[in-house]
């Protein structure tokens, strides 16, 4: 397994990566790198990746496609998986100089959990890849929750080797 991880590290060496501050009270619950990209899932301390109330996810997706096209397909898959789900109008967004899309999706009742789920995301295209920051709630967030999600997404940065940004120091 460590050979695979080392090989992936070399493959992605020099490539940009997505970084966000760790929300207060959150921990990294899952992290994985594979040929198609990488994922990091953050949840409140004491919760699990199966049973969480809020989750922040950082994704690098090794697909060279416009962010708008990916967001449309992403929304469609989520709507198909949740009866009554509705995407909120997407808007143009940026992470650093990379342009992309902001979106919100509301699932009134996830068939797997029986709970409502709300997802806020930003996806951008840079250097032949997609980078996606997500904030999910297993509820319908109130105004403070929406502000919190926006603050998390807006704090995302696209790092490059040698960046002086403290978030980009590995």
C-alpha atoms as a PDB file:
ATOM      1  CA  UNK A   1       0.000   0.000   0.000  1.00  0.00           C
ATOM      2  CA  UNK A   2       2.779   2.458   0.840  1.00  0.00           C
ATOM      3  CA  UNK A   3       4.291   1.841  -2.619  1.00  0.00           C
ATOM      4  CA  UNK A   4       1.011   2.972  -4.200  1.00  0.00           C
ATOM      5  CA  UNK A   5       0.911   6.080  -2.007  1.00  0.00           C
ATOM      6  CA  UNK A   6       4.511   6.939  -2.875  1.00  0.00           C
ATOM      7  CA  UNK A   7       3.822   6.508  -6.590  1.00  0.00           C
ATOM      8  CA  UNK A   8       0.760   8.772  -6.370  1.00  0.00           C
ATOM      9  CA  UNK A   9       2.819  11.364  -4.499  1.00  0.00           C
ATOM     10  CA  UNK A  10       5.370  11.414  -7.301  1.00  0.00           C
ATOM     11  CA  UNK A  11       2.671  11.584  -9.966  1.00  0.00           C
ATOM     12  CA  UNK A  12       1.083  14.627  -8.341  1.00  0.00           C
ATOM     13  CA  UNK A  13       4.367  16.288  -7.407  1.00  0.00           C
ATOM     14  CA  UNK A  14       4.338  19.868  -8.576  1.00  0.00           C
ATOM     15  CA  UNK A  15       0.583  19.810  -9.207  1.00  0.00           C
ATOM     16  CA  UNK A  16      -1.622  22.334  -7.404  1.00  0.00           C
ATOM     17  CA  UNK A  17      -3.630  21.130  -4.413  1.00  0.00           C
ATOM     18  CA  UNK A  18      -6.694  22.406  -2.586  1.00  0.00           C
ATOM     19  CA  UNK A  19      -6.308  23.621   0.999  1.00  0.00           C
ATOM     20  CA  UNK A  20      -8.709  25.004   3.597  1.00  0.00           C
ATOM     21  CA  UNK A  21      -8.299  25.849   7.263  1.00  0.00           C
ATOM     22  CA  UNK A  22      -9.498  23.071   9.576  1.00  0.00           C
ATOM     23  CA  UNK A  23     -12.808  24.206  11.088  1.00  0.00           C
ATOM     24  CA  UNK A  24     -12.704  24.537  14.860  1.00  0.00           C
ATOM     25  CA  UNK A  25     -13.708  21.273  16.535  1.00  0.00           C
ATOM     26  CA  UNK A  26     -13.223  19.238  13.331  1.00  0.00           C
ATOM     27  CA  UNK A  27     -10.821  16.385  12.564  1.00  0.00           C
ATOM     28  CA  UNK A  28      -9.767  14.596   9.386  1.00  0.00           C
ATOM     29  CA  UNK A  29     -11.810  11.395   9.355  1.00  0.00           C
ATOM     30  CA  UNK A  30     -10.814  10.017   5.961  1.00  0.00           C
ATOM     31  CA  UNK A  31      -8.087  10.733   3.432  1.00  0.00           C
ATOM     32  CA  UNK A  32      -7.274   8.807   0.269  1.00  0.00           C
ATOM     33  CA  UNK A  33      -5.318   9.270  -2.937  1.00  0.00           C
ATOM     34  CA  UNK A  34      -5.931   7.154  -6.025  1.00  0.00           C
ATOM     35  CA  UNK A  35      -5.444   7.359  -9.775  1.00  0.00           C
ATOM     36  CA  UNK A  36      -8.593   9.456 -10.232  1.00  0.00           C
ATOM     37  CA  UNK A  37      -7.587  11.972  -7.567  1.00  0.00           C
ATOM     38  CA  UNK A  38      -7.757  12.530  -3.844  1.00  0.00           C
ATOM     39  CA  UNK A  39     -10.308  13.097  -1.101  1.00  0.00           C
ATOM     40  CA  UNK A  40     -10.151  14.433   2.440  1.00  0.00           C
ATOM     41  CA  UNK A  41     -13.233  14.340   4.672  1.00  0.00           C
ATOM     42  CA  UNK A  42     -13.427  16.429   7.839  1.00  0.00           C
ATOM     43  CA  UNK A  43     -16.096  15.998  10.497  1.00  0.00           C
ATOM     44  CA  UNK A  44     -16.817  17.247  14.015  1.00  0.00           C
ATOM     45  CA  UNK A  45     -14.675  15.503  16.617  1.00  0.00           C
ATOM     46  CA  UNK A  46     -16.538  12.508  18.052  1.00  0.00           C
ATOM     47  CA  UNK A  47     -18.528  11.803  14.866  1.00  0.00           C
ATOM     48  CA  UNK A  48     -17.760   9.250  12.135  1.00  0.00           C
ATOM     49  CA  UNK A  49     -17.815   9.270   8.333  1.00  0.00           C
ATOM     50  CA  UNK A  50     -21.007   7.202   8.569  1.00  0.00           C
ATOM     51  CA  UNK A  51     -22.710   9.253  11.294  1.00  0.00           C
ATOM     52  CA  UNK A  52     -21.988  12.972  10.976  1.00  0.00           C
ATOM     53  CA  UNK A  53     -23.905  16.220  11.289  1.00  0.00           C
ATOM     54  CA  UNK A  54     -21.595  18.368   9.141  1.00  0.00           C
ATOM     55  CA  UNK A  55     -18.804  17.392   6.779  1.00  0.00           C
ATOM     56  CA  UNK A  56     -16.201  19.390   4.895  1.00  0.00           C
ATOM     57  CA  UNK A  57     -14.719  17.597   1.886  1.00  0.00           C
ATOM     58  CA  UNK A  58     -11.747  18.542  -0.299  1.00  0.00           C
ATOM     59  CA  UNK A  59     -11.435  16.787  -3.658  1.00  0.00           C
ATOM     60  CA  UNK A  60      -8.896  16.747  -6.446  1.00  0.00           C
ATOM     61  CA  UNK A  61     -10.366  15.067  -9.502  1.00  0.00           C
ATOM     62  CA  UNK A  62      -8.050  14.104 -12.335  1.00  0.00           C
ATOM     63  CA  UNK A  63     -10.509  15.070 -15.071  1.00  0.00           C
ATOM     64  CA  UNK A  64      -9.764  17.742 -17.628  1.00  0.00           C
ATOM     65  CA  UNK A  65     -13.235  19.191 -18.177  1.00  0.00           C
ATOM     66  CA  UNK A  66     -14.915  22.549 -17.594  1.00  0.00           C
ATOM     67  CA  UNK A  67     -16.105  23.084 -14.021  1.00  0.00           C
ATOM     68  CA  UNK A  68     -19.604  23.999 -15.266  1.00  0.00           C
ATOM     69  CA  UNK A  69     -19.939  20.659 -17.096  1.00  0.00           C
ATOM     70  CA  UNK A  70     -18.761  18.731 -14.052  1.00  0.00           C
ATOM     71  CA  UNK A  71     -21.141  20.666 -11.765  1.00  0.00           C
ATOM     72  CA  UNK A  72     -24.088  19.928 -14.071  1.00  0.00           C
ATOM     73  CA  UNK A  73     -23.275  16.188 -14.063  1.00  0.00           C
ATOM     74  CA  UNK A  74     -22.673  16.255 -10.295  1.00  0.00           C
ATOM     75  CA  UNK A  75     -26.047  17.928  -9.664  1.00  0.00           C
ATOM     76  CA  UNK A  76     -27.788  15.451 -11.972  1.00  0.00           C
ATOM     77  CA  UNK A  77     -26.309  12.425 -10.152  1.00  0.00           C
ATOM     78  CA  UNK A  78     -27.301  13.795  -6.755  1.00  0.00           C
ATOM     79  CA  UNK A  79     -30.834  14.610  -7.921  1.00  0.00           C
ATOM     80  CA  UNK A  80     -31.194  11.065  -9.302  1.00  0.00           C
ATOM     81  CA  UNK A  81     -30.086   9.625  -5.956  1.00  0.00           C
ATOM     82  CA  UNK A  82     -32.469  11.684  -3.841  1.00  0.00           C
ATOM     83  CA  UNK A  83     -36.162  11.900  -4.731  1.00  0.00           C
ATOM     84  CA  UNK A  84     -37.282  15.518  -4.478  1.00  0.00           C
ATOM     85  CA  UNK A  85     -33.750  16.916  -4.465  1.00  0.00           C
ATOM     86  CA  UNK A  86     -33.354  20.291  -6.046  1.00  0.00           C
ATOM     87  CA  UNK A  87     -30.250  22.139  -7.125  1.00  0.00           C
ATOM     88  CA  UNK A  88     -30.159  25.857  -6.468  1.00  0.00           C
ATOM     89  CA  UNK A  89     -29.016  28.015  -9.361  1.00  0.00           C
ATOM     90  CA  UNK A  90     -25.268  27.789  -9.858  1.00  0.00           C
ATOM     91  CA  UNK A  91     -23.090  30.886 -10.084  1.00  0.00           C
ATOM     92  CA  UNK A  92     -19.573  31.691 -11.272  1.00  0.00           C
ATOM     93  CA  UNK A  93     -16.880  31.457  -8.601  1.00  0.00           C
ATOM     94  CA  UNK A  94     -13.111  31.398  -8.136  1.00  0.00           C
ATOM     95  CA  UNK A  95     -10.504  29.765  -5.980  1.00  0.00           C
ATOM     96  CA  UNK A  96      -7.449  31.919  -6.427  1.00  0.00           C
ATOM     97  CA  UNK A  97      -7.197  32.588 -10.158  1.00  0.00           C
ATOM     98  CA  UNK A  98      -9.040  29.374 -11.126  1.00  0.00           C
ATOM     99  CA  UNK A  99     -12.580  29.992 -12.350  1.00  0.00           C
ATOM    100  CA  UNK A 100     -15.428  27.642 -11.612  1.00  0.00           C
ATOM    101  CA  UNK A 101     -18.894  27.217 -10.207  1.00  0.00           C
ATOM    102  CA  UNK A 102     -20.680  27.551  -6.863  1.00  0.00           C
ATOM    103  CA  UNK A 103     -23.715  25.441  -6.154  1.00  0.00           C
ATOM    104  CA  UNK A 104     -26.174  24.352  -3.489  1.00  0.00           C
ATOM    105  CA  UNK A 105     -28.226  21.166  -3.460  1.00  0.00           C
ATOM    106  CA  UNK A 106     -31.027  20.289  -1.067  1.00  0.00           C
ATOM    107  CA  UNK A 107     -32.142  16.688  -0.534  1.00  0.00           C
ATOM    108  CA  UNK A 108     -35.323  16.610   1.569  1.00  0.00           C
ATOM    109  CA  UNK A 109     -34.739  12.989   2.684  1.00  0.00           C
ATOM    110  CA  UNK A 110     -31.665  10.940   1.827  1.00  0.00           C
ATOM    111  CA  UNK A 111     -32.955   7.420   1.087  1.00  0.00           C
ATOM    112  CA  UNK A 112     -29.912   5.897   2.853  1.00  0.00           C
ATOM    113  CA  UNK A 113     -30.218   7.814   6.135  1.00  0.00           C
ATOM    114  CA  UNK A 114     -33.790   9.115   6.230  1.00  0.00           C
ATOM    115  CA  UNK A 115     -32.351  12.547   7.013  1.00  0.00           C
ATOM    116  CA  UNK A 116     -32.357  15.762   4.993  1.00  0.00           C
ATOM    117  CA  UNK A 117     -28.995  16.660   3.458  1.00  0.00           C
ATOM    118  CA  UNK A 118     -27.872  20.011   2.155  1.00  0.00           C
ATOM    119  CA  UNK A 119     -24.674  20.455   0.160  1.00  0.00           C
ATOM    120  CA  UNK A 120     -22.758  23.634  -0.654  1.00  0.00           C
ATOM    121  CA  UNK A 121     -19.902  23.285  -3.125  1.00  0.00           C
ATOM    122  CA  UNK A 122     -17.386  25.114  -5.255  1.00  0.00           C
ATOM    123  CA  UNK A 123     -15.614  23.406  -8.152  1.00  0.00           C
ATOM    124  CA  UNK A 124     -12.858  24.954 -10.266  1.00  0.00           C
ATOM    125  CA  UNK A 125     -10.670  23.808 -13.143  1.00  0.00           C
ATOM    126  CA  UNK A 126      -6.914  24.389 -13.107  1.00  0.00           C
ATOM    127  CA  UNK A 127      -3.854  22.621 -14.495  1.00  0.00           C
ATOM    128  CA  UNK A 128      -5.941  19.953 -16.256  1.00  0.00           C
ATOM    129  CA  UNK A 129      -7.795  18.918 -13.073  1.00  0.00           C
ATOM    130  CA  UNK A 130     -10.893  19.752 -11.085  1.00  0.00           C
ATOM    131  CA  UNK A 131     -10.710  20.924  -7.472  1.00  0.00           C
ATOM    132  CA  UNK A 132     -13.863  20.789  -5.350  1.00  0.00           C
ATOM    133  CA  UNK A 133     -14.609  22.052  -1.849  1.00  0.00           C
ATOM    134  CA  UNK A 134     -17.854  20.841  -0.267  1.00  0.00           C
ATOM    135  CA  UNK A 135     -19.728  21.536   2.954  1.00  0.00           C
ATOM    136  CA  UNK A 136     -22.541  19.111   3.739  1.00  0.00           C
ATOM    137  CA  UNK A 137     -25.191  19.179   6.462  1.00  0.00           C
ATOM    138  CA  UNK A 138     -27.408  16.297   7.525  1.00  0.00           C
ATOM    139  CA  UNK A 139     -30.104  18.876   8.117  1.00  0.00           C
ATOM    140  CA  UNK A 140     -31.510  22.009   6.598  1.00  0.00           C
ATOM    141  CA  UNK A 141     -29.057  24.681   7.778  1.00  0.00           C
ATOM    142  CA  UNK A 142     -30.305  27.869   9.369  1.00  0.00           C
ATOM    143  CA  UNK A 143     -28.926  31.292   8.431  1.00  0.00           C
ATOM    144  CA  UNK A 144     -25.878  30.794  10.687  1.00  0.00           C
ATOM    145  CA  UNK A 145     -25.224  27.399   9.076  1.00  0.00           C
ATOM    146  CA  UNK A 146     -25.379  28.939   5.602  1.00  0.00           C
ATOM    147  CA  UNK A 147     -22.946  31.668   6.660  1.00  0.00           C
ATOM    148  CA  UNK A 148     -20.635  29.035   8.178  1.00  0.00           C
ATOM    149  CA  UNK A 149     -20.704  26.994   4.940  1.00  0.00           C
ATOM    150  CA  UNK A 150     -19.973  30.089   2.862  1.00  0.00           C
ATOM    151  CA  UNK A 151     -17.043  31.012   5.134  1.00  0.00           C
ATOM    152  CA  UNK A 152     -15.568  27.512   4.769  1.00  0.00           C
ATOM    153  CA  UNK A 153     -15.883  27.514   0.974  1.00  0.00           C
ATOM    154  CA  UNK A 154     -14.557  31.075   0.681  1.00  0.00           C
ATOM    155  CA  UNK A 155     -11.467  30.108   2.719  1.00  0.00           C
ATOM    156  CA  UNK A 156     -10.401  27.490   0.158  1.00  0.00           C
ATOM    157  CA  UNK A 157      -7.176  28.193  -1.659  1.00  0.00           C
ATOM    158  CA  UNK A 158      -5.389  26.503  -4.525  1.00  0.00           C
ATOM    159  CA  UNK A 159      -1.788  25.890  -3.485  1.00  0.00           C
ATOM    160  CA  UNK A 160       1.299  25.476  -5.628  1.00  0.00           C
ATOM    161  CA  UNK A 161       4.766  24.359  -4.590  1.00  0.00           C
ATOM    162  CA  UNK A 162       6.699  27.205  -3.014  1.00  0.00           C
ATOM    163  CA  UNK A 163       3.591  29.180  -2.049  1.00  0.00           C
ATOM    164  CA  UNK A 164       4.072  31.538   0.923  1.00  0.00           C
ATOM    165  CA  UNK A 165       0.458  30.996   2.073  1.00  0.00           C
ATOM    166  CA  UNK A 166       0.495  29.319   5.507  1.00  0.00           C
ATOM    167  CA  UNK A 167      -2.316  26.975   4.380  1.00  0.00           C
ATOM    168  CA  UNK A 168      -0.044  25.648   1.646  1.00  0.00           C
ATOM    169  CA  UNK A 169       2.812  24.559   3.903  1.00  0.00           C
ATOM    170  CA  UNK A 170       2.995  20.772   4.008  1.00  0.00           C
END
